[in-house]
Amino acid sequence: NKFYSDHPQYRMAPPPATDGRSRVHNWLHKGARDYKLALLREITEVYPHMDGFELDWMRYPHLFPDGTAQPKRNAIMLEFIKEVRGLLDALEKTDGKHRWLGVRIPTDPKAWPEIGLNPKTWQDAGVEFFNISPSYETTEQTGVAELRKAAPDARIYAELTHCTQRWRFGYAGYDAHMWRRSTKEILENSATVAYARGADGVSFFNFAYYRGHGEYQDLKGPFNEPPFELIPTLADKDALRGIPGYFYLDGGHAAFNDKEKKRSYEMDILPANGNAAATLRVQVLGKKEKELSEREPPEAIDRGKWRVVLNGKALEFKGLADKNYPFPTPYKAGFGHAQQYLCFDVPTGLLKNGKNTLVLEKKSGPDLYLRWLEIVQPAR
């Protein structure tokens, strides 16, 4: 808009930089902060009966140049939070109605210093709820526990989205990518783990993208209506008791080759059904295969021989996934092919409540790429 074009000096990176930072303002400039505050003030004037604000720090969560001292970041952000709280308090004085102030923040506590977030001081300054967000892809690996410890009296909501993973396939264009859809099992267990770590509720983001959109719909589909029918259950922690366990991790297409044969992963898990026996499924792809659309058949390749150790115990290999993978679900896209999944037995009682360590070592086979990890504890 005009303000952005008239003040290129406020940009984190000057045009025509193409990375995300070229789209955001450097908050060391008071003029940039004043512009944001003016937008919020205008909203309070045009919509005086609103219920409050959620300040979204997620896109993009880069507010300060590298090297900016942490106390400087924290002080600037705290001042801004206080100013916004002041706008809402001024509205309350006009009609006696309380206005809420919330913030949408990264799930990973390591990202909080980047945006000058000190949860306790923000809460003391008037932030009443924290919406802890993965930005795009639902995850069970969140900082809810750390946030609860830092701001014990705040309301905390864990954000659930339409997918848990996305990757590009070998076509040109912005929309040439696939998603692993968030299924009932994914949404229910993500909410359950969040509640166990201290969340008060869940929030929802990008659910419209369950529906068809963009280019290459024939390659990315089939599509579905969003699972709105799950919302009452997801909002009620008691309604989630006794569900089958489903614990997952995005493998990020990590390479297992001659240079890197062994990798370690951490998963936050809340064992289900009395910590019953489970199945670990590992999706591994060939180099060509990881860039294919799912509508194309999988490669007939060697998936390698693996040593898998969970919490110090080696797991027994059980073969490839059943042809009915992943489980009965209305979502028929985003999960790959059964031939891509290696299955391992997880003995009763092996999972821990909290951090679990999983070590994958490729003992033989071609260069392979890890897309996905999941542990399934079926209902008894």
Protein backbone atom coordinates (compact mmCIF):
# COMPACT_ATOMS: atom_id res chain seq x y z
CA ASN A 1 0.00 0.00 0.00
CA LYS A 2 0.96 3.66 -0.11
CA PHE A 3 2.57 3.68 3.33
CA TYR A 4 4.85 0.78 2.38
CA SER A 5 5.83 2.33 -0.95
CA ASP A 6 6.37 5.78 0.57
CA HIS A 7 8.61 4.46 3.38
CA PRO A 8 10.97 1.84 1.97
CA GLN A 9 13.43 2.70 4.76
CA TYR A 10 11.11 0.97 7.22
CA ARG A 11 11.38 -2.39 5.45
CA MET A 12 13.39 -5.12 7.09
CA ALA A 13 15.06 -5.62 3.68
CA PRO A 14 14.75 -2.98 0.97
CA PRO A 15 12.92 -3.78 -2.27
CA PRO A 16 13.36 -5.75 -4.46
CA ALA A 17 14.45 -8.36 -1.91
CA THR A 18 12.38 -11.50 -2.43
CA ASP A 19 12.59 -13.21 0.94
CA GLY A 20 9.90 -12.88 3.60
CA ARG A 21 11.70 -10.11 5.42
CA SER A 22 11.19 -7.71 2.53
CA ARG A 23 7.47 -7.81 3.35
CA VAL A 24 7.72 -6.72 6.96
CA HIS A 25 8.71 -3.58 8.80
CA ASN A 26 11.69 -3.14 11.06
CA TRP A 27 10.21 -2.36 14.45
CA LEU A 28 13.25 -0.38 15.51
CA HIS A 29 11.64 2.45 13.48
CA LYS A 30 9.07 4.26 15.60
CA GLY A 31 7.30 5.44 12.44
CA ALA A 32 6.58 1.84 11.48
CA ARG A 33 5.19 1.05 14.92
CA ASP A 34 3.10 4.21 14.95
CA TYR A 35 1.53 3.19 11.64
CA LYS A 36 0.43 -0.16 13.08
CA LEU A 37 -0.97 1.55 16.16
CA ALA A 38 -2.86 4.03 13.98
CA LEU A 39 -4.51 1.13 12.13
CA LEU A 40 -5.64 -0.37 15.42
CA ARG A 41 -6.90 2.99 16.69
CA GLU A 42 -8.94 3.41 13.50
CA ILE A 43 -10.53 -0.01 14.04
CA THR A 44 -11.63 0.96 17.55
CA GLU A 45 -13.21 4.12 16.13
CA VAL A 46 -15.01 2.44 13.22
CA TYR A 47 -16.06 -0.67 15.18
CA PRO A 48 -16.51 0.52 18.78
CA HIS A 49 -18.68 -2.47 19.72
CA MET A 50 -16.01 -5.05 18.90
CA ASP A 51 -14.93 -7.59 21.52
CA GLY A 52 -11.18 -7.03 21.29
CA PHE A 53 -8.00 -7.71 19.34
CA GLU A 54 -5.80 -10.68 18.56
CA LEU A 55 -2.39 -9.34 17.55
CA ASP A 56 -0.94 -11.76 15.00
CA TRP A 57 2.86 -11.94 15.13
CA MET A 58 3.09 -14.99 12.87
CA ARG A 59 3.43 -13.70 9.31
CA TYR A 60 6.18 -12.95 9.34
CA PRO A 61 7.64 -13.27 12.86
CA HIS A 62 10.71 -11.19 11.95
CA LEU A 63 10.43 -7.80 13.61
CA PHE A 64 14.03 -6.84 14.31
CA PRO A 65 17.35 -7.00 12.44
CA ASP A 66 19.75 -9.74 13.43
CA GLY A 67 21.92 -8.61 16.31
CA THR A 68 19.28 -6.44 17.98
CA ALA A 69 19.83 -6.76 21.72
CA GLN A 70 17.17 -8.79 23.51
CA PRO A 71 16.35 -6.10 26.12
CA LYS A 72 15.73 -3.65 23.26
CA ARG A 73 13.34 -6.06 21.52
CA ASN A 74 11.50 -6.80 24.74
CA ALA A 75 11.11 -3.14 25.69
CA ILE A 76 9.75 -2.10 22.28
CA MET A 77 7.21 -4.91 22.18
CA LEU A 78 6.10 -4.37 25.77
CA GLU A 79 5.50 -0.68 25.06
CA PHE A 80 3.40 -1.56 22.00
CA ILE A 81 1.33 -4.11 23.97
CA LYS A 82 0.64 -1.44 26.61
CA GLU A 83 -0.45 1.05 23.97
CA VAL A 84 -2.90 -1.42 22.44
CA ARG A 85 -4.24 -2.31 25.87
CA GLY A 86 -4.78 1.41 26.39
CA LEU A 87 -6.92 1.64 23.24
CA LEU A 88 -9.12 -1.19 24.48
CA ASP A 89 -9.39 0.21 28.00
CA ALA A 90 -10.47 3.55 26.54
CA LEU A 91 -13.32 1.78 24.73
CA GLU A 92 -14.38 0.07 27.95
CA LYS A 93 -14.76 3.45 29.64
CA THR A 94 -17.34 4.46 27.04
CA ASP A 95 -19.79 1.60 27.71
CA GLY A 96 -18.48 -0.56 30.56
CA LYS A 97 -17.84 -3.56 28.29
CA HIS A 98 -14.53 -5.34 28.70
CA ARG A 99 -12.39 -5.78 25.56
CA TRP A 100 -10.11 -8.80 25.21
CA LEU A 101 -6.49 -8.67 24.13
CA GLY A 102 -4.82 -11.77 22.74
CA VAL A 103 -1.70 -12.58 20.75
CA ARG A 104 -0.93 -15.23 18.13
CA ILE A 105 2.61 -16.44 18.74
CA PRO A 106 4.93 -19.22 17.46
CA THR A 107 4.64 -22.73 18.91
CA ASP A 108 8.40 -23.01 19.33
CA PRO A 109 9.73 -21.13 22.40
CA LYS A 110 13.05 -20.68 20.57
CA ALA A 111 11.26 -18.24 18.25
CA TRP A 112 9.87 -16.08 21.05
CA PRO A 113 12.99 -13.94 21.54
CA GLU A 114 12.83 -12.94 17.84
CA ILE A 115 9.55 -11.10 18.44
CA GLY A 116 10.56 -9.78 21.85
CA LEU A 117 8.09 -12.03 23.66
CA ASN A 118 8.29 -12.31 27.42
CA PRO A 119 5.01 -14.08 28.28
CA LYS A 120 4.79 -12.90 31.88
CA THR A 121 5.42 -9.22 31.15
CA TRP A 122 2.97 -9.32 28.23
CA GLN A 123 0.37 -10.88 30.52
CA ASP A 124 1.01 -8.24 33.19
CA ALA A 125 0.60 -5.56 30.51
CA GLY A 126 -2.87 -6.81 29.61
CA VAL A 127 -2.58 -9.82 27.28
CA GLU A 128 -5.33 -12.21 28.35
CA PHE A 129 -4.94 -15.08 25.92
CA PHE A 130 -2.10 -16.61 23.91
CA ASN A 131 -2.96 -18.42 20.68
CA ILE A 132 0.06 -20.66 20.15
CA SER A 133 0.35 -21.23 16.42
CA PRO A 134 2.36 -23.48 14.09
CA SER A 135 1.65 -20.89 11.35
CA TYR A 136 0.47 -23.42 8.77
CA GLU A 137 1.00 -27.06 9.76
CA THR A 138 -0.59 -28.63 12.81
CA THR A 139 1.89 -30.22 15.21
CA GLU A 140 1.94 -31.99 18.57
CA GLN A 141 5.40 -30.54 19.23
CA THR A 142 4.51 -27.24 20.88
CA GLY A 143 5.67 -24.89 23.62
CA VAL A 144 2.36 -25.04 25.50
CA ALA A 145 4.04 -26.42 28.64
CA GLU A 146 6.73 -23.74 28.57
CA LEU A 147 4.12 -21.03 28.01
CA ARG A 148 1.98 -22.31 30.89
CA LYS A 149 4.99 -22.21 33.17
CA ALA A 150 5.93 -18.68 32.05
CA ALA A 151 2.39 -17.27 32.27
CA PRO A 152 0.53 -19.49 34.73
CA ASP A 153 -2.70 -17.46 34.81
CA ALA A 154 -3.07 -16.79 31.08
CA ARG A 155 -5.55 -18.45 28.77
CA ILE A 156 -3.73 -20.61 26.22
CA TYR A 157 -5.16 -21.92 22.96
CA ALA A 158 -3.41 -24.40 20.66
CA GLU A 159 -4.02 -23.75 16.96
CA LEU A 160 -5.17 -26.59 14.67
CA THR A 161 -4.94 -26.27 10.90
CA HIS A 162 -6.02 -28.10 7.76
CA CYS A 163 -2.70 -29.94 7.28
CA THR A 164 0.30 -31.29 9.10
CA GLN A 165 2.80 -31.22 6.26
CA ARG A 166 3.29 -29.81 2.78
CA TRP A 167 5.81 -30.42 0.03
CA ARG A 168 6.35 -29.36 -3.55
CA PHE A 169 6.06 -31.68 -6.49
CA GLY A 170 7.89 -31.25 -9.79
CA TYR A 171 5.73 -28.64 -11.51
CA ALA A 172 6.07 -24.89 -11.85
CA GLY A 173 3.91 -22.40 -10.01
CA TYR A 174 2.95 -21.17 -6.57
CA ASP A 175 0.39 -23.93 -6.00
CA ALA A 176 2.50 -26.90 -7.08
CA HIS A 177 2.45 -28.53 -3.67
CA MET A 178 0.68 -31.26 -1.71
CA TRP A 179 -0.56 -31.40 1.85
CA ARG A 180 -0.98 -34.17 4.35
CA ARG A 181 -4.52 -33.45 5.51
CA SER A 182 -5.31 -33.20 9.20
CA THR A 183 -7.53 -36.19 9.89
CA LYS A 184 -9.83 -36.83 12.83
CA GLU A 185 -7.03 -38.79 14.52
CA ILE A 186 -4.53 -35.97 14.00
CA LEU A 187 -6.83 -33.22 15.26
CA GLU A 188 -8.08 -35.16 18.28
CA ASN A 189 -4.63 -36.22 19.44
CA SER A 190 -3.07 -32.80 18.80
CA ALA A 191 -5.78 -31.29 21.01
CA THR A 192 -5.36 -34.01 23.65
CA VAL A 193 -1.59 -33.48 23.93
CA ALA A 194 -2.08 -29.69 24.09
CA TYR A 195 -4.62 -30.02 26.91
CA ALA A 196 -2.27 -32.32 28.81
CA ARG A 197 0.49 -29.71 28.56
CA GLY A 198 -1.69 -26.91 29.91
CA ALA A 199 -3.83 -25.50 27.09
CA ASP A 200 -7.30 -24.17 27.93
CA GLY A 201 -8.70 -24.76 24.46
CA VAL A 202 -7.98 -24.95 20.76
CA SER A 203 -8.34 -22.55 17.84
CA PHE A 204 -8.77 -23.20 14.12
CA PHE A 205 -6.93 -21.80 11.11
CA ASN A 206 -7.05 -22.32 7.32
CA PHE A 207 -9.89 -24.85 7.44
CA ALA A 208 -11.13 -23.47 4.10
CA TYR A 209 -8.16 -25.21 2.47
CA TYR A 210 -9.70 -28.62 2.96
CA ARG A 211 -11.68 -27.50 -0.11
CA GLY A 212 -10.34 -27.41 -3.65
CA HIS A 213 -8.37 -24.28 -4.56
CA GLY A 214 -5.49 -23.13 -6.71
CA GLU A 215 -3.74 -24.84 -9.58
CA TYR A 216 -3.23 -28.58 -10.19
CA GLN A 217 -6.39 -29.62 -8.37
CA ASP A 218 -6.45 -32.87 -10.31
CA LEU A 219 -3.03 -33.72 -8.86
CA LYS A 220 -3.67 -32.44 -5.32
CA GLY A 221 -7.18 -33.79 -4.77
CA PRO A 222 -9.56 -35.22 -4.00
CA PHE A 223 -10.70 -32.48 -1.66
CA ASN A 224 -13.21 -32.48 1.22
CA GLU A 225 -15.42 -30.24 3.27
CA PRO A 226 -13.72 -29.09 6.50
CA PRO A 227 -14.45 -31.34 9.51
CA PHE A 228 -16.64 -28.80 11.28
CA GLU A 229 -18.49 -31.65 12.99
CA LEU A 230 -15.37 -32.30 15.11
CA ILE A 231 -15.28 -28.85 16.70
CA PRO A 232 -17.54 -29.63 19.70
CA THR A 233 -15.39 -32.64 20.60
CA LEU A 234 -12.10 -30.81 20.09
CA ALA A 235 -13.30 -28.01 22.36
CA ASP A 236 -14.11 -30.45 25.20
CA LYS A 237 -11.13 -32.18 26.78
CA ASP A 238 -13.41 -34.64 28.60
CA ALA A 239 -14.95 -35.73 25.29
CA LEU A 240 -11.47 -36.73 24.08
CA ARG A 241 -10.83 -39.26 26.82
CA GLY A 242 -10.25 -42.80 25.62
CA ILE A 243 -9.49 -42.01 21.98
CA PRO A 244 -6.95 -44.15 20.07
CA GLY A 245 -3.45 -42.70 20.21
CA TYR A 246 -1.87 -41.07 17.18
CA PHE A 247 1.54 -39.41 17.49
CA TYR A 248 3.33 -37.97 14.50
CA LEU A 249 6.31 -35.98 13.29
CA ASP A 250 7.14 -34.28 10.00
CA GLY A 251 10.33 -35.89 8.67
CA GLY A 252 11.12 -32.89 6.47
CA HIS A 253 12.48 -35.14 3.70
CA ALA A 254 15.69 -35.60 5.68
CA ALA A 255 18.25 -37.48 3.57
CA PHE A 256 19.64 -40.86 4.62
CA ASN A 257 22.67 -41.51 2.44
CA ASP A 258 26.33 -42.48 2.66
CA LYS A 259 27.18 -39.31 4.60
CA GLU A 260 24.16 -39.28 6.92
CA LYS A 261 22.88 -42.71 7.87
CA LYS A 262 21.66 -42.07 11.40
CA ARG A 263 19.34 -39.39 12.78
CA SER A 264 17.64 -38.81 16.12
CA TYR A 265 14.18 -37.33 16.72
CA GLU A 266 12.20 -36.19 19.75
CA MET A 267 8.43 -36.57 20.01
CA ASP A 268 6.11 -35.23 22.72
CA ILE A 269 3.70 -38.11 23.38
CA LEU A 270 0.77 -38.74 25.72
CA PRO A 271 0.40 -42.56 25.71
CA ALA A 272 -3.15 -43.81 25.12
CA ASN A 273 -5.18 -46.80 26.28
CA GLY A 274 -3.00 -47.68 29.24
CA ASN A 275 0.14 -47.35 27.10
CA ALA A 276 -0.93 -50.29 24.95
CA ALA A 277 1.20 -51.86 22.24
CA ALA A 278 1.51 -49.66 19.15
CA THR A 279 2.79 -49.55 15.59
CA LEU A 280 5.45 -47.19 14.30
CA ARG A 281 5.18 -46.35 10.58
CA VAL A 282 8.03 -44.62 8.78
CA GLN A 283 7.48 -43.18 5.29
CA VAL A 284 10.67 -43.23 3.20
CA LEU A 285 10.93 -42.14 -0.43
CA GLY A 286 13.41 -42.32 -3.28
CA LYS A 287 14.97 -39.16 -4.72
CA LYS A 288 12.68 -39.05 -7.76
CA GLU A 289 9.65 -40.18 -5.80
CA LYS A 290 9.70 -37.33 -3.29
CA GLU A 291 9.00 -34.85 -6.09
CA LEU A 292 6.12 -36.80 -7.64
CA SER A 293 2.46 -36.02 -7.22
CA GLU A 294 0.57 -38.64 -5.26
CA ARG A 295 -1.52 -39.27 -8.34
CA GLU A 296 1.56 -40.89 -9.86
CA PRO A 297 2.46 -44.45 -8.81
CA PRO A 298 5.26 -45.04 -6.28
CA GLU A 299 8.67 -46.17 -7.44
CA ALA A 300 9.49 -49.87 -7.29
CA ILE A 301 12.61 -49.33 -5.19
CA ASP A 302 14.46 -50.88 -2.30
CA ARG A 303 13.26 -49.10 0.89
CA GLY A 304 16.39 -50.19 2.71
CA LYS A 305 17.10 -52.09 5.88
CA TRP A 306 16.80 -50.08 9.10
CA ARG A 307 17.62 -50.19 12.78
CA VAL A 308 15.01 -48.27 14.76
CA VAL A 309 15.45 -47.56 18.47
CA LEU A 310 12.67 -46.01 20.57
CA ASN A 311 13.54 -44.86 24.09
CA GLY A 312 16.59 -47.11 24.06
CA LYS A 313 14.85 -50.26 22.79
CA ALA A 314 15.34 -51.67 19.29
CA LEU A 315 12.02 -52.26 17.51
CA GLU A 316 11.13 -55.31 15.45
CA PHE A 317 10.47 -54.73 11.74
CA LYS A 318 7.06 -56.04 10.64
CA GLY A 319 7.03 -55.26 6.91
CA LEU A 320 5.28 -52.67 4.75
CA ALA A 321 2.02 -50.96 5.67
CA ASP A 322 -1.27 -52.67 4.97
CA LYS A 323 -2.83 -51.78 1.64
CA ASN A 324 -5.63 -50.03 3.55
CA TYR A 325 -3.22 -47.45 4.97
CA PRO A 326 -3.57 -45.06 6.67
CA PHE A 327 -6.85 -45.88 8.45
CA PRO A 328 -10.52 -45.47 7.61
CA THR A 329 -10.82 -41.77 6.78
CA PRO A 330 -12.76 -39.62 4.32
CA TYR A 331 -9.51 -37.89 3.36
CA LYS A 332 -7.99 -39.64 0.36
CA ALA A 333 -5.07 -37.36 -0.43
CA GLY A 334 -1.84 -36.41 1.28
CA PHE A 335 -0.75 -39.77 2.70
CA GLY A 336 1.28 -41.32 -0.08
CA HIS A 337 1.23 -45.03 -0.83
CA ALA A 338 1.26 -48.04 1.47
CA GLN A 339 4.43 -49.35 -0.21
CA GLN A 340 6.33 -46.34 1.12
CA TYR A 341 5.76 -47.19 4.80
CA LEU A 342 7.97 -49.42 6.92
CA CYS A 343 6.22 -50.78 10.04
CA PHE A 344 7.73 -51.63 13.42
CA ASP A 345 6.20 -53.08 16.60
CA VAL A 346 6.16 -50.85 19.71
CA PRO A 347 5.83 -53.02 22.85
CA THR A 348 3.32 -52.28 25.60
CA GLY A 349 4.57 -49.69 28.08
CA LEU A 350 7.49 -48.41 25.99
CA LEU A 351 6.10 -44.94 25.26
CA LYS A 352 6.67 -42.16 27.79
CA ASN A 353 4.42 -39.31 28.85
CA GLY A 354 6.51 -36.43 27.54
CA LYS A 355 9.65 -36.48 25.44
CA ASN A 356 10.37 -39.70 23.56
CA THR A 357 13.56 -40.32 21.61
CA LEU A 358 13.49 -42.14 18.28
CA VAL A 359 16.71 -43.06 16.45
CA LEU A 360 16.62 -44.15 12.80
CA GLU A 361 19.66 -45.75 11.18
CA LYS A 362 19.74 -46.92 7.57
CA LYS A 363 21.87 -50.05 7.47
CA SER A 364 21.63 -50.61 3.72
CA GLY A 365 19.79 -49.41 0.63
CA PRO A 366 19.87 -46.46 -1.81
CA ASP A 367 19.64 -42.79 -0.90
CA LEU A 368 16.27 -42.39 0.84
CA TYR A 369 14.30 -39.46 2.25
CA LEU A 370 12.20 -39.41 5.40
CA ARG A 371 8.83 -37.75 4.90
CA TRP A 372 6.79 -38.84 7.91
CA LEU A 373 6.81 -40.67 11.26
CA GLU A 374 3.74 -41.87 13.14
CA ILE A 375 2.94 -44.07 16.12
CA VAL A 376 -0.56 -45.54 16.32
CA GLN A 377 -2.09 -47.00 19.47
CA PRO A 378 -5.40 -48.54 18.41
CA ALA A 379 -8.42 -48.59 20.68
CA ARG A 380 -8.80 -51.81 22.68
